Amino acid sequence: MTKAMSDQILQASHLDYKIHVRLAGVIDLIAAEAKYHLTCLSKFTRSTSKVKQDSADTDLAMIWLCRELKQSAHRGYVLLLDDVWDRYKELADESSAVIKQSFLSRSTTFKEKLQSHLGDTFNFFQPLDRCPSECKTMPIPTEYQPTAVLKLEDETQEAEETITLPRYEPDDDITLSLIHVALKIRGDMMAAPGHKGFSVSEDEAITCVPGSLYMLLKIMFGGQEVLEDSDKDENTVQNRVLSVAQDLVYCISGGKKWTPKHVGLACTLHQATRSKDLVRLFNKAGHCLSYEQVL
């Protein structure tokens, strides 16, 4: 296996869940003595190329927004397109997505994109008897259109009856899902082998971190960019992931499973400062071994 082939497989591995988990923490396939079959490599290349093409056209904020709008439609909510646009910008910020320039330069483009995703769920209504400054586009649920239009024509309607866009809430109990994921990753950490010896290299740190924990923290630190074919700040993200992950492994095991970070930081602090209190301070925060263990 060549260096170029190793880099190509590692860069595309995040597009295949099973491969990504198996290669979590691996930074060089040659050093890891990895082997592959030509037929398996061809299948992997085809599948990741398709996922990469599909993800290039995926707007995560738009998907979330359409889910919220469909919930609104079932409840008969009448909305202002300006409010929908503001909510889209909030979701784009939450998902670290870049808003398309065409949306910023021409509001009609955003409206047309919404219509293509929502189909006949909404009709986009614009009153004709208002002045230009008051002529706001309103997505009206098709199912409730007659009733909604009658309400809009009623000039005596109370201002507090105006309904705003609700936040999307998944049908399933998200708390149960979080508990399941947390227990799964905790079990992986308890099953992972602790660090042996005094080597504090990055490779040793990667060995101590379960693949599931590594992937979770990488997504939390990197956001949506992790799902894209991007090497931006890859080293910075990995360093942060490994630092937090080693603290979790050490703390959850009650200090029984050492990691390269806890060995290296404790020894370095003691050798550089000879301060018992400083080592104990870092130990209480869960960042290094105890003073007694250092001795």
C-alpha atoms as a PDB file:
ATOM      1  CA  MET A   1       0.000   0.000   0.000  1.00  0.00           C
ATOM      2  CA  THR A   2       1.355   3.434  -0.959  1.00  0.00           C
ATOM      3  CA  LYS A   3       1.183   6.605   1.144  1.00  0.00           C
ATOM      4  CA  ALA A   4      -1.212   8.180  -1.392  1.00  0.00           C
ATOM      5  CA  MET A   5      -3.540   5.188  -1.190  1.00  0.00           C
ATOM      6  CA  SER A   6      -3.455   5.317   2.628  1.00  0.00           C
ATOM      7  CA  ASP A   7      -4.385   9.012   2.641  1.00  0.00           C
ATOM      8  CA  GLN A   8      -7.152   8.458   0.071  1.00  0.00           C
ATOM      9  CA  ILE A   9      -8.811   5.701   2.135  1.00  0.00           C
ATOM     10  CA  LEU A  10      -8.524   7.640   5.415  1.00  0.00           C
ATOM     11  CA  GLN A  11      -9.999  10.796   3.870  1.00  0.00           C
ATOM     12  CA  ALA A  12     -12.990   8.872   2.490  1.00  0.00           C
ATOM     13  CA  SER A  13     -13.520   6.659   5.557  1.00  0.00           C
ATOM     14  CA  HIS A  14     -15.812   9.176   7.275  1.00  0.00           C
ATOM     15  CA  LEU A  15     -18.331   8.597   4.471  1.00  0.00           C
ATOM     16  CA  ASP A  16     -18.706   4.926   5.452  1.00  0.00           C
ATOM     17  CA  TYR A  17     -19.838   4.380   9.067  1.00  0.00           C
ATOM     18  CA  LYS A  18     -18.406   0.857   9.499  1.00  0.00           C
ATOM     19  CA  ILE A  19     -15.036   1.743   7.999  1.00  0.00           C
ATOM     20  CA  HIS A  20     -14.901   4.992   9.977  1.00  0.00           C
ATOM     21  CA  VAL A  21     -15.400   3.142  13.266  1.00  0.00           C
ATOM     22  CA  ARG A  22     -12.751   0.556  12.402  1.00  0.00           C
ATOM     23  CA  LEU A  23     -10.248   3.231  11.417  1.00  0.00           C
ATOM     24  CA  ALA A  24     -11.041   5.603  14.303  1.00  0.00           C
ATOM     25  CA  GLY A  25      -7.752   6.961  15.567  1.00  0.00           C
ATOM     26  CA  VAL A  26      -5.676   5.503  12.706  1.00  0.00           C
ATOM     27  CA  ILE A  27      -3.592   8.167  10.975  1.00  0.00           C
ATOM     28  CA  ASP A  28      -1.419   5.957   8.778  1.00  0.00           C
ATOM     29  CA  LEU A  29      -2.608   2.664   7.299  1.00  0.00           C
ATOM     30  CA  ILE A  30       0.923   1.661   6.361  1.00  0.00           C
ATOM     31  CA  ALA A  31       2.112   1.995   9.953  1.00  0.00           C
ATOM     32  CA  ALA A  32      -0.970   0.065  11.098  1.00  0.00           C
ATOM     33  CA  GLU A  33      -0.075  -2.742   8.625  1.00  0.00           C
ATOM     34  CA  ALA A  34      -3.528  -2.518   7.027  1.00  0.00           C
ATOM     35  CA  LYS A  35      -4.439  -4.757   4.087  1.00  0.00           C
ATOM     36  CA  TYR A  36      -7.257  -4.544   1.553  1.00  0.00           C
ATOM     37  CA  HIS A  37      -8.761  -6.610  -1.272  1.00  0.00           C
ATOM     38  CA  LEU A  38      -9.046  -4.972  -4.679  1.00  0.00           C
ATOM     39  CA  THR A  39     -12.741  -5.895  -4.999  1.00  0.00           C
ATOM     40  CA  CYS A  40     -13.512  -4.496  -1.534  1.00  0.00           C
ATOM     41  CA  LEU A  41     -11.587  -1.305  -2.328  1.00  0.00           C
ATOM     42  CA  SER A  42     -13.573  -0.849  -5.552  1.00  0.00           C
ATOM     43  CA  LYS A  43     -16.858  -1.296  -3.676  1.00  0.00           C
ATOM     44  CA  PHE A  44     -15.716   1.145  -0.973  1.00  0.00           C
ATOM     45  CA  THR A  45     -14.688   3.739  -3.578  1.00  0.00           C
ATOM     46  CA  ARG A  46     -18.015   3.486  -5.425  1.00  0.00           C
ATOM     47  CA  SER A  47     -20.122   3.810  -2.256  1.00  0.00           C
ATOM     48  CA  THR A  48     -18.153   6.733  -0.801  1.00  0.00           C
ATOM     49  CA  SER A  49     -18.169   8.567  -4.146  1.00  0.00           C
ATOM     50  CA  LYS A  50     -21.972   8.321  -4.234  1.00  0.00           C
ATOM     51  CA  VAL A  51     -22.318   9.500  -0.625  1.00  0.00           C
ATOM     52  CA  LYS A  52     -19.928  12.366  -1.307  1.00  0.00           C
ATOM     53  CA  GLN A  53     -21.963  13.461  -4.320  1.00  0.00           C
ATOM     54  CA  ASP A  54     -25.230  13.231  -2.378  1.00  0.00           C
ATOM     55  CA  SER A  55     -23.871  15.120   0.637  1.00  0.00           C
ATOM     56  CA  ALA A  56     -22.613  17.915  -1.615  1.00  0.00           C
ATOM     57  CA  ASP A  57     -26.223  18.743  -2.444  1.00  0.00           C
ATOM     58  CA  THR A  58     -27.490  18.310   1.119  1.00  0.00           C
ATOM     59  CA  ASP A  59     -28.508  21.385   3.084  1.00  0.00           C
ATOM     60  CA  LEU A  60     -28.931  20.165   6.665  1.00  0.00           C
ATOM     61  CA  ALA A  61     -30.522  23.440   7.805  1.00  0.00           C
ATOM     62  CA  MET A  62     -33.079  23.227   4.980  1.00  0.00           C
ATOM     63  CA  ILE A  63     -33.955  19.636   5.976  1.00  0.00           C
ATOM     64  CA  TRP A  64     -34.529  20.654   9.610  1.00  0.00           C
ATOM     65  CA  LEU A  65     -36.533  23.715   8.536  1.00  0.00           C
ATOM     66  CA  CYS A  66     -38.839  21.662   6.303  1.00  0.00           C
ATOM     67  CA  ARG A  67     -39.521  19.261   9.186  1.00  0.00           C
ATOM     68  CA  GLU A  68     -40.583  22.200  11.350  1.00  0.00           C
ATOM     69  CA  LEU A  69     -42.746  23.616   8.564  1.00  0.00           C
ATOM     70  CA  LYS A  70     -44.501  20.297   7.999  1.00  0.00           C
ATOM     71  CA  GLN A  71     -45.325  20.152  11.698  1.00  0.00           C
ATOM     72  CA  SER A  72     -46.693  23.680  11.404  1.00  0.00           C
ATOM     73  CA  ALA A  73     -48.817  22.674   8.416  1.00  0.00           C
ATOM     74  CA  HIS A  74     -50.478  19.845  10.351  1.00  0.00           C
ATOM     75  CA  ARG A  75     -51.466  22.344  13.049  1.00  0.00           C
ATOM     76  CA  GLY A  76     -52.813  24.915  10.589  1.00  0.00           C
ATOM     77  CA  TYR A  77     -50.212  27.600  11.344  1.00  0.00           C
ATOM     78  CA  VAL A  78     -49.994  30.646   9.052  1.00  0.00           C
ATOM     79  CA  LEU A  79     -46.450  32.027   8.867  1.00  0.00           C
ATOM     80  CA  LEU A  80     -44.543  34.927   7.399  1.00  0.00           C
ATOM     81  CA  LEU A  81     -41.810  34.035   4.917  1.00  0.00           C
ATOM     82  CA  ASP A  82     -39.530  36.544   6.685  1.00  0.00           C
ATOM     83  CA  ASP A  83     -39.885  34.552   9.928  1.00  0.00           C
ATOM     84  CA  VAL A  84     -39.159  31.339   8.063  1.00  0.00           C
ATOM     85  CA  TRP A  85     -35.988  32.912   6.613  1.00  0.00           C
ATOM     86  CA  ASP A  86     -34.849  34.039  10.089  1.00  0.00           C
ATOM     87  CA  ARG A  87     -35.390  30.510  11.423  1.00  0.00           C
ATOM     88  CA  TYR A  88     -33.383  29.061   8.517  1.00  0.00           C
ATOM     89  CA  LYS A  89     -30.445  31.321   9.400  1.00  0.00           C
ATOM     90  CA  GLU A  90     -30.606  30.120  13.028  1.00  0.00           C
ATOM     91  CA  LEU A  91     -30.565  26.476  11.920  1.00  0.00           C
ATOM     92  CA  ALA A  92     -27.691  27.131   9.507  1.00  0.00           C
ATOM     93  CA  ASP A  93     -25.701  28.592  12.396  1.00  0.00           C
ATOM     94  CA  GLU A  94     -26.518  25.600  14.651  1.00  0.00           C
ATOM     95  CA  SER A  95     -25.445  23.093  11.975  1.00  0.00           C
ATOM     96  CA  SER A  96     -22.335  25.098  10.918  1.00  0.00           C
ATOM     97  CA  ALA A  97     -23.741  25.179   7.373  1.00  0.00           C
ATOM     98  CA  VAL A  98     -22.838  27.901   4.885  1.00  0.00           C
ATOM     99  CA  ILE A  99     -25.878  29.768   3.536  1.00  0.00           C
ATOM    100  CA  LYS A 100     -25.900  29.755  -0.245  1.00  0.00           C
ATOM    101  CA  GLN A 101     -25.045  33.073  -1.844  1.00  0.00           C
ATOM    102  CA  SER A 102     -28.083  32.762  -4.106  1.00  0.00           C
ATOM    103  CA  PHE A 103     -30.328  32.812  -1.010  1.00  0.00           C
ATOM    104  CA  LEU A 104     -28.680  35.997   0.256  1.00  0.00           C
ATOM    105  CA  SER A 105     -28.768  37.868  -3.050  1.00  0.00           C
ATOM    106  CA  ARG A 106     -32.308  36.910  -4.107  1.00  0.00           C
ATOM    107  CA  SER A 107     -35.101  35.988  -1.679  1.00  0.00           C
ATOM    108  CA  THR A 108     -37.108  34.358  -4.477  1.00  0.00           C
ATOM    109  CA  THR A 109     -34.438  31.660  -4.749  1.00  0.00           C
ATOM    110  CA  PHE A 110     -34.984  30.698  -1.105  1.00  0.00           C
ATOM    111  CA  LYS A 111     -38.751  30.628  -1.650  1.00  0.00           C
ATOM    112  CA  GLU A 112     -38.399  28.418  -4.742  1.00  0.00           C
ATOM    113  CA  LYS A 113     -36.124  26.016  -2.858  1.00  0.00           C
ATOM    114  CA  LEU A 114     -38.691  25.783  -0.063  1.00  0.00           C
ATOM    115  CA  GLN A 115     -41.458  25.051  -2.553  1.00  0.00           C
ATOM    116  CA  SER A 116     -39.434  22.244  -4.137  1.00  0.00           C
ATOM    117  CA  HIS A 117     -38.910  20.586  -0.736  1.00  0.00           C
ATOM    118  CA  LEU A 118     -42.430  21.120   0.624  1.00  0.00           C
ATOM    119  CA  GLY A 119     -44.378  20.207  -2.515  1.00  0.00           C
ATOM    120  CA  ASP A 120     -48.072  20.953  -2.082  1.00  0.00           C
ATOM    121  CA  THR A 121     -47.905  21.141   1.737  1.00  0.00           C
ATOM    122  CA  PHE A 122     -47.997  24.959   1.591  1.00  0.00           C
ATOM    123  CA  ASN A 123     -49.310  27.578  -0.812  1.00  0.00           C
ATOM    124  CA  PHE A 124     -47.376  30.842  -0.808  1.00  0.00           C
ATOM    125  CA  PHE A 125     -49.937  33.633  -0.482  1.00  0.00           C
ATOM    126  CA  GLN A 126     -49.347  37.350  -0.982  1.00  0.00           C
ATOM    127  CA  PRO A 127     -52.167  39.866  -0.261  1.00  0.00           C
ATOM    128  CA  LEU A 128     -52.919  42.131  -3.219  1.00  0.00           C
ATOM    129  CA  ASP A 129     -54.721  44.898  -1.310  1.00  0.00           C
ATOM    130  CA  ARG A 130     -51.733  45.961   0.799  1.00  0.00           C
ATOM    131  CA  CYS A 131     -49.101  48.609   0.132  1.00  0.00           C
ATOM    132  CA  PRO A 132     -45.643  47.317  -0.965  1.00  0.00           C
ATOM    133  CA  SER A 133     -44.180  47.762   2.519  1.00  0.00           C
ATOM    134  CA  GLU A 134     -46.918  45.581   4.043  1.00  0.00           C
ATOM    135  CA  CYS A 135     -47.104  43.032   1.241  1.00  0.00           C
ATOM    136  CA  LYS A 136     -45.530  40.060   2.972  1.00  0.00           C
ATOM    137  CA  THR A 137     -45.418  36.533   1.553  1.00  0.00           C
ATOM    138  CA  MET A 138     -47.151  33.998   3.802  1.00  0.00           C
ATOM    139  CA  PRO A 139     -46.833  30.207   3.484  1.00  0.00           C
ATOM    140  CA  ILE A 140     -50.362  28.911   4.191  1.00  0.00           C
ATOM    141  CA  PRO A 141     -51.037  25.172   4.802  1.00  0.00           C
ATOM    142  CA  THR A 142     -52.935  23.840   1.798  1.00  0.00           C
ATOM    143  CA  GLU A 143     -55.172  21.724   4.016  1.00  0.00           C
ATOM    144  CA  TYR A 144     -56.385  24.764   5.974  1.00  0.00           C
ATOM    145  CA  GLN A 145     -56.183  27.364   3.200  1.00  0.00           C
ATOM    146  CA  PRO A 146     -59.890  28.455   3.119  1.00  0.00           C
ATOM    147  CA  THR A 147     -60.026  28.959   6.884  1.00  0.00           C
ATOM    148  CA  ALA A 148     -56.650  30.683   6.996  1.00  0.00           C
ATOM    149  CA  VAL A 149     -57.554  33.186   4.261  1.00  0.00           C
ATOM    150  CA  LEU A 150     -60.827  34.073   6.024  1.00  0.00           C
ATOM    151  CA  LYS A 151     -58.926  34.761   9.240  1.00  0.00           C
ATOM    152  CA  LEU A 152     -56.461  37.002   7.406  1.00  0.00           C
ATOM    153  CA  GLU A 153     -59.351  39.064   6.022  1.00  0.00           C
ATOM    154  CA  ASP A 154     -60.784  39.635   9.504  1.00  0.00           C
ATOM    155  CA  GLU A 155     -59.377  43.040  10.507  1.00  0.00           C
ATOM    156  CA  THR A 156     -60.642  42.657  14.091  1.00  0.00           C
ATOM    157  CA  GLN A 157     -58.447  39.698  14.856  1.00  0.00           C
ATOM    158  CA  GLU A 158     -56.492  40.193  18.104  1.00  0.00           C
ATOM    159  CA  ALA A 159     -52.714  40.752  17.714  1.00  0.00           C
ATOM    160  CA  GLU A 160     -51.891  38.156  20.340  1.00  0.00           C
ATOM    161  CA  GLU A 161     -53.493  35.448  18.195  1.00  0.00           C
ATOM    162  CA  THR A 162     -50.555  35.606  15.792  1.00  0.00           C
ATOM    163  CA  ILE A 163     -48.856  32.209  15.711  1.00  0.00           C
ATOM    164  CA  THR A 164     -45.103  31.932  15.338  1.00  0.00           C
ATOM    165  CA  LEU A 165     -43.021  29.134  13.888  1.00  0.00           C
ATOM    166  CA  PRO A 166     -42.629  26.289  16.451  1.00  0.00           C
ATOM    167  CA  ARG A 167     -39.337  24.505  17.003  1.00  0.00           C
ATOM    168  CA  TYR A 168     -39.069  21.006  15.584  1.00  0.00           C
ATOM    169  CA  GLU A 169     -39.367  18.285  18.181  1.00  0.00           C
ATOM    170  CA  PRO A 170     -38.676  14.652  17.149  1.00  0.00           C
ATOM    171  CA  ASP A 171     -41.498  12.178  17.622  1.00  0.00           C
ATOM    172  CA  ASP A 172     -39.324   9.748  19.558  1.00  0.00           C
ATOM    173  CA  ASP A 173     -38.150  10.426  23.095  1.00  0.00           C
ATOM    174  CA  ILE A 174     -34.717  11.955  22.517  1.00  0.00           C
ATOM    175  CA  THR A 175     -33.804  11.437  26.181  1.00  0.00           C
ATOM    176  CA  LEU A 176     -34.003   7.664  25.786  1.00  0.00           C
ATOM    177  CA  SER A 177     -31.841   7.854  22.670  1.00  0.00           C
ATOM    178  CA  LEU A 178     -29.222   9.920  24.505  1.00  0.00           C
ATOM    179  CA  ILE A 179     -29.217   7.475  27.421  1.00  0.00           C
ATOM    180  CA  HIS A 180     -28.740   4.554  25.030  1.00  0.00           C
ATOM    181  CA  VAL A 181     -25.809   6.263  23.263  1.00  0.00           C
ATOM    182  CA  ALA A 182     -24.215   7.321  26.571  1.00  0.00           C
ATOM    183  CA  LEU A 183     -24.407   3.823  28.028  1.00  0.00           C
ATOM    184  CA  LYS A 184     -23.050   2.290  24.808  1.00  0.00           C
ATOM    185  CA  ILE A 185     -20.014   4.609  24.786  1.00  0.00           C
ATOM    186  CA  ARG A 186     -19.478   4.178  28.538  1.00  0.00           C
ATOM    187  CA  GLY A 187     -19.432   0.402  28.045  1.00  0.00           C
ATOM    188  CA  ASP A 188     -16.858   0.806  25.262  1.00  0.00           C
ATOM    189  CA  MET A 189     -14.660   2.893  27.568  1.00  0.00           C
ATOM    190  CA  MET A 190     -14.900   0.356  30.396  1.00  0.00           C
ATOM    191  CA  ALA A 191     -13.945  -2.441  27.985  1.00  0.00           C
ATOM    192  CA  ALA A 192     -11.017  -0.558  26.441  1.00  0.00           C
ATOM    193  CA  PRO A 193      -7.529  -1.484  27.710  1.00  0.00           C
ATOM    194  CA  GLY A 194      -5.732   1.047  29.865  1.00  0.00           C
ATOM    195  CA  HIS A 195      -2.358   2.517  28.962  1.00  0.00           C
ATOM    196  CA  LYS A 196       0.692   0.406  29.803  1.00  0.00           C
ATOM    197  CA  GLY A 197       4.178   1.772  30.034  1.00  0.00           C
ATOM    198  CA  PHE A 198       5.414   5.352  29.940  1.00  0.00           C
ATOM    199  CA  SER A 199       5.186   6.233  26.233  1.00  0.00           C
ATOM    200  CA  VAL A 200       3.142   9.404  25.692  1.00  0.00           C
ATOM    201  CA  SER A 201       2.956   9.427  21.882  1.00  0.00           C
ATOM    202  CA  GLU A 202      -0.174  10.288  19.907  1.00  0.00           C
ATOM    203  CA  ASP A 203      -0.456   6.706  18.666  1.00  0.00           C
ATOM    204  CA  GLU A 204      -0.569   5.450  22.258  1.00  0.00           C
ATOM    205  CA  ALA A 205      -3.275   7.994  23.063  1.00  0.00           C
ATOM    206  CA  ILE A 206      -5.376   6.854  20.095  1.00  0.00           C
ATOM    207  CA  THR A 207      -5.145   3.241  21.297  1.00  0.00           C
ATOM    208  CA  CYS A 208      -6.723   4.179  24.642  1.00  0.00           C
ATOM    209  CA  VAL A 209      -9.752   5.887  23.068  1.00  0.00           C
ATOM    210  CA  PRO A 210     -12.691   3.725  21.855  1.00  0.00           C
ATOM    211  CA  GLY A 211     -13.818   4.379  18.297  1.00  0.00           C
ATOM    212  CA  SER A 212     -17.361   5.310  19.343  1.00  0.00           C
ATOM    213  CA  LEU A 213     -16.113   7.966  21.804  1.00  0.00           C
ATOM    214  CA  TYR A 214     -13.644   9.336  19.259  1.00  0.00           C
ATOM    215  CA  MET A 215     -16.331   9.685  16.577  1.00  0.00           C
ATOM    216  CA  LEU A 216     -18.831  11.349  18.954  1.00  0.00           C
ATOM    217  CA  LEU A 217     -16.330  13.958  20.153  1.00  0.00           C
ATOM    218  CA  LYS A 218     -15.060  14.563  16.629  1.00  0.00           C
ATOM    219  CA  ILE A 219     -18.593  15.395  15.454  1.00  0.00           C
ATOM    220  CA  MET A 220     -19.148  17.627  18.503  1.00  0.00           C
ATOM    221  CA  PHE A 221     -15.919  19.556  17.901  1.00  0.00           C
ATOM    222  CA  GLY A 222     -16.005  19.589  14.092  1.00  0.00           C
ATOM    223  CA  GLY A 223     -19.737  19.929  13.429  1.00  0.00           C
ATOM    224  CA  GLN A 224     -21.102  19.312   9.947  1.00  0.00           C
ATOM    225  CA  GLU A 225     -17.659  19.739   8.360  1.00  0.00           C
ATOM    226  CA  VAL A 226     -16.751  16.292   9.719  1.00  0.00           C
ATOM    227  CA  LEU A 227     -19.350  14.808   7.337  1.00  0.00           C
ATOM    228  CA  GLU A 228     -17.812  16.609   4.381  1.00  0.00           C
ATOM    229  CA  ASP A 229     -14.599  15.926   2.484  1.00  0.00           C
ATOM    230  CA  SER A 230     -12.545  18.565   4.273  1.00  0.00           C
ATOM    231  CA  ASP A 231      -9.175  18.504   6.059  1.00  0.00           C
ATOM    232  CA  LYS A 232      -9.687  21.976   7.547  1.00  0.00           C
ATOM    233  CA  ASP A 233      -8.236  22.196  11.085  1.00  0.00           C
ATOM    234  CA  GLU A 234      -8.088  18.368  11.159  1.00  0.00           C
ATOM    235  CA  ASN A 235      -5.063  18.305  13.478  1.00  0.00           C
ATOM    236  CA  THR A 236      -6.579  20.879  15.848  1.00  0.00           C
ATOM    237  CA  VAL A 237      -9.827  18.928  16.109  1.00  0.00           C
ATOM    238  CA  GLN A 238      -8.006  15.630  16.667  1.00  0.00           C
ATOM    239  CA  ASN A 239      -5.834  17.102  19.432  1.00  0.00           C
ATOM    240  CA  ARG A 240      -8.892  18.434  21.255  1.00  0.00           C
ATOM    241  CA  VAL A 241     -10.771  15.167  20.813  1.00  0.00           C
ATOM    242  CA  LEU A 242      -7.886  13.097  22.175  1.00  0.00           C
ATOM    243  CA  SER A 243      -7.397  15.447  25.141  1.00  0.00           C
ATOM    244  CA  VAL A 244     -11.059  15.322  26.236  1.00  0.00           C
ATOM    245  CA  ALA A 245     -11.392  11.620  25.424  1.00  0.00           C
ATOM    246  CA  GLN A 246      -8.430  10.663  27.624  1.00  0.00           C
ATOM    247  CA  ASP A 247      -9.905  12.658  30.525  1.00  0.00           C
ATOM    248  CA  LEU A 248     -13.189  10.761  30.121  1.00  0.00           C
ATOM    249  CA  VAL A 249     -11.471   7.365  30.022  1.00  0.00           C
ATOM    250  CA  TYR A 250      -9.431   8.193  33.135  1.00  0.00           C
ATOM    251  CA  CYS A 251     -12.317   9.695  35.159  1.00  0.00           C
ATOM    252  CA  ILE A 252     -14.950   7.092  34.274  1.00  0.00           C
ATOM    253  CA  SER A 253     -12.581   4.291  35.287  1.00  0.00           C
ATOM    254  CA  GLY A 254     -12.054   6.007  38.639  1.00  0.00           C
ATOM    255  CA  GLY A 255      -8.416   6.667  37.829  1.00  0.00           C
ATOM    256  CA  LYS A 256      -7.684   2.967  37.292  1.00  0.00           C
ATOM    257  CA  LYS A 257      -7.065   3.267  33.549  1.00  0.00           C
ATOM    258  CA  TRP A 258      -4.103   5.486  32.833  1.00  0.00           C
ATOM    259  CA  THR A 259      -3.644   7.346  29.561  1.00  0.00           C
ATOM    260  CA  PRO A 260      -0.565   8.908  27.933  1.00  0.00           C
ATOM    261  CA  LYS A 261      -1.920  12.379  28.745  1.00  0.00           C
ATOM    262  CA  HIS A 262      -2.240  11.654  32.458  1.00  0.00           C
ATOM    263  CA  VAL A 263       1.178  10.008  32.679  1.00  0.00           C
ATOM    264  CA  GLY A 264       2.964  12.644  30.599  1.00  0.00           C
ATOM    265  CA  LEU A 265       1.330  15.700  32.137  1.00  0.00           C
ATOM    266  CA  ALA A 266       1.851  14.488  35.711  1.00  0.00           C
ATOM    267  CA  CYS A 267       5.542  13.709  35.168  1.00  0.00           C
ATOM    268  CA  THR A 268       6.133  16.965  33.286  1.00  0.00           C
ATOM    269  CA  LEU A 269       4.500  19.082  35.985  1.00  0.00           C
ATOM    270  CA  HIS A 270       6.479  17.388  38.729  1.00  0.00           C
ATOM    271  CA  GLN A 271       9.802  17.599  36.918  1.00  0.00           C
ATOM    272  CA  ALA A 272       9.314  21.220  35.802  1.00  0.00           C
ATOM    273  CA  THR A 273       7.966  22.695  39.038  1.00  0.00           C
ATOM    274  CA  ARG A 274       8.593  20.147  41.812  1.00  0.00           C
ATOM    275  CA  SER A 275       5.248  21.384  43.171  1.00  0.00           C
ATOM    276  CA  LYS A 276       3.210  18.780  45.032  1.00  0.00           C
ATOM    277  CA  ASP A 277       0.201  21.122  45.231  1.00  0.00           C
ATOM    278  CA  LEU A 278       0.171  21.809  41.493  1.00  0.00           C
ATOM    279  CA  VAL A 279       0.177  18.100  40.626  1.00  0.00           C
ATOM    280  CA  ARG A 280      -2.628  17.492  43.121  1.00  0.00           C
ATOM    281  CA  LEU A 281      -4.620  20.409  41.666  1.00  0.00           C
ATOM    282  CA  PHE A 282      -4.454  18.951  38.153  1.00  0.00           C
ATOM    283  CA  ASN A 283      -5.264  15.499  39.531  1.00  0.00           C
ATOM    284  CA  LYS A 284      -8.437  16.757  41.231  1.00  0.00           C
ATOM    285  CA  ALA A 285      -9.540  18.228  37.898  1.00  0.00           C
ATOM    286  CA  GLY A 286      -9.024  14.805  36.291  1.00  0.00           C
ATOM    287  CA  HIS A 287      -6.139  15.867  34.041  1.00  0.00           C
ATOM    288  CA  CYS A 288      -3.221  13.868  35.440  1.00  0.00           C
ATOM    289  CA  LEU A 289      -2.130  11.142  37.868  1.00  0.00           C
ATOM    290  CA  SER A 290      -1.923  11.772  41.602  1.00  0.00           C
ATOM    291  CA  TYR A 291       1.259  12.957  43.276  1.00  0.00           C
ATOM    292  CA  GLU A 292       1.691   9.565  44.958  1.00  0.00           C
ATOM    293  CA  GLN A 293       1.389   7.768  41.607  1.00  0.00           C
ATOM    294  CA  VAL A 294       4.006  10.064  40.087  1.00  0.00           C
ATOM    295  CA  LEU A 295       6.451   9.167  42.845  1.00  0.00           C
END
